[in-house]
Amino acid sequence: MPKAYRDRALCLTDHWEAYPAAIRPRHHLAVSKRSGLMNGLERFNNTVRRRLGRLTRKTLAFSKCRRSHVGCLRCSINDHNRHLAITH
C-alpha cells in the first residue's frame, strides 16, 4: 500500500476489543453497526466474495499462484468500479 494511503488511512470497525491493540488510535474509528457507516464497505465485501469464490473459506476455486489471485481480484474490482460508473 502506498505510504500516502497508509498515513491517511482510517479503519472503521465495530467495538471489538482486539482492534485498538492492532490499529493505531489515529487510524481507528469504532462505530456501531446502526450508524450506517459500514454499509458501503460491507456491501462491497459481499459483492467481491460473491463474484470471487476463491476468497471464501473452504473453496475449490483457488489460485495456484499469487499473481493469478491478485490479477483476478484486480479484474473483479475494476469491473465493479466500471459498473458503478455506468449506474451513477
Protein backbone atom coordinates (compact mmCIF):
# COMPACT_ATOMS: atom_id res chain seq x y z
CA MET A 1 0.00 0.00 0.00
CA PRO A 2 1.41 3.43 -0.86
CA LYS A 3 2.73 5.45 2.06
CA ALA A 4 0.26 8.27 1.41
CA TYR A 5 -2.62 5.82 1.84
CA ARG A 6 -1.11 4.33 5.00
CA ASP A 7 -0.63 7.78 6.51
CA ARG A 8 -4.22 8.86 5.84
CA ALA A 9 -5.98 5.53 6.30
CA LEU A 10 -8.96 5.34 8.60
CA CYS A 11 -10.19 1.93 9.69
CA LEU A 12 -13.84 1.75 10.60
CA THR A 13 -14.54 -1.21 12.85
CA ASP A 14 -17.10 -2.38 15.32
CA HIS A 15 -16.33 -2.16 19.03
CA TRP A 16 -14.46 -5.46 19.33
CA GLU A 17 -11.79 -5.02 21.99
CA ALA A 18 -8.96 -6.54 19.91
CA TYR A 19 -8.95 -3.77 17.30
CA PRO A 20 -7.32 -1.00 19.39
CA ALA A 21 -4.35 -3.27 20.05
CA ALA A 22 -3.85 -3.87 16.32
CA ILE A 23 -4.74 -0.47 14.83
CA ARG A 24 -3.15 2.83 15.80
CA PRO A 25 -5.63 5.17 17.51
CA ARG A 26 -5.26 7.91 14.89
CA HIS A 27 -6.23 5.39 12.19
CA HIS A 28 -9.09 3.74 14.07
CA LEU A 29 -12.72 4.71 14.45
CA ALA A 30 -15.05 2.30 16.22
CA VAL A 31 -18.64 2.69 15.04
CA SER A 32 -21.84 0.86 15.78
CA LYS A 33 -23.47 -1.18 13.06
CA ARG A 34 -26.54 1.02 13.38
CA SER A 35 -24.55 4.09 12.35
CA GLY A 36 -24.70 3.03 8.70
CA LEU A 37 -21.06 3.95 8.11
CA MET A 38 -20.08 0.35 7.38
CA ASN A 39 -22.87 -0.42 4.91
CA GLY A 40 -20.98 0.53 1.76
CA LEU A 41 -17.89 -1.39 2.75
CA GLU A 42 -19.85 -4.48 3.77
CA ARG A 43 -21.79 -4.34 0.51
CA PHE A 44 -18.54 -4.18 -1.46
CA ASN A 45 -17.01 -7.06 0.53
CA ASN A 46 -20.07 -9.22 -0.10
CA THR A 47 -20.04 -8.35 -3.81
CA VAL A 48 -16.39 -9.35 -4.13
CA ARG A 49 -16.94 -12.57 -2.17
CA ARG A 50 -19.94 -13.46 -4.32
CA ARG A 51 -18.05 -12.85 -7.56
CA LEU A 52 -14.81 -14.49 -6.47
CA GLY A 53 -15.30 -17.90 -4.93
CA ARG A 54 -11.57 -18.06 -4.27
CA LEU A 55 -11.99 -15.54 -1.43
CA THR A 56 -14.37 -17.70 0.57
CA ARG A 57 -13.41 -20.33 3.09
CA LYS A 58 -13.01 -23.95 2.03
CA THR A 59 -13.28 -23.30 -1.68
CA LEU A 60 -12.17 -25.43 -4.58
CA ALA A 61 -11.69 -22.35 -6.77
CA PHE A 62 -8.23 -21.30 -5.65
CA SER A 63 -5.33 -19.72 -7.49
CA LYS A 64 -2.14 -21.71 -7.73
CA CYS A 65 0.00 -18.60 -7.75
CA ARG A 66 -0.26 -15.21 -6.09
CA ARG A 67 -0.04 -13.40 -9.43
CA SER A 68 -3.19 -15.11 -10.71
CA HIS A 69 -5.02 -14.42 -7.46
CA VAL A 70 -4.13 -10.72 -7.47
CA GLY A 71 -4.91 -10.42 -11.19
CA CYS A 72 -8.34 -11.97 -10.76
CA LEU A 73 -9.10 -9.73 -7.79
CA ARG A 74 -7.93 -6.64 -9.70
CA CYS A 75 -10.13 -7.52 -12.69
CA SER A 76 -13.13 -8.02 -10.43
CA ILE A 77 -12.62 -4.69 -8.66
CA ASN A 78 -12.14 -2.87 -11.98
CA ASP A 79 -15.32 -4.46 -13.32
CA HIS A 80 -17.20 -3.46 -10.17
CA ASN A 81 -15.97 0.14 -10.46
CA ARG A 82 -16.88 0.25 -14.15
CA HIS A 83 -20.43 -0.83 -13.38
CA LEU A 84 -20.67 1.78 -10.63
CA ALA A 85 -19.55 4.49 -13.05
CA ILE A 86 -22.24 3.46 -15.52
CA THR A 87 -25.06 3.41 -12.96
CA HIS A 88 -24.15 6.66 -11.18
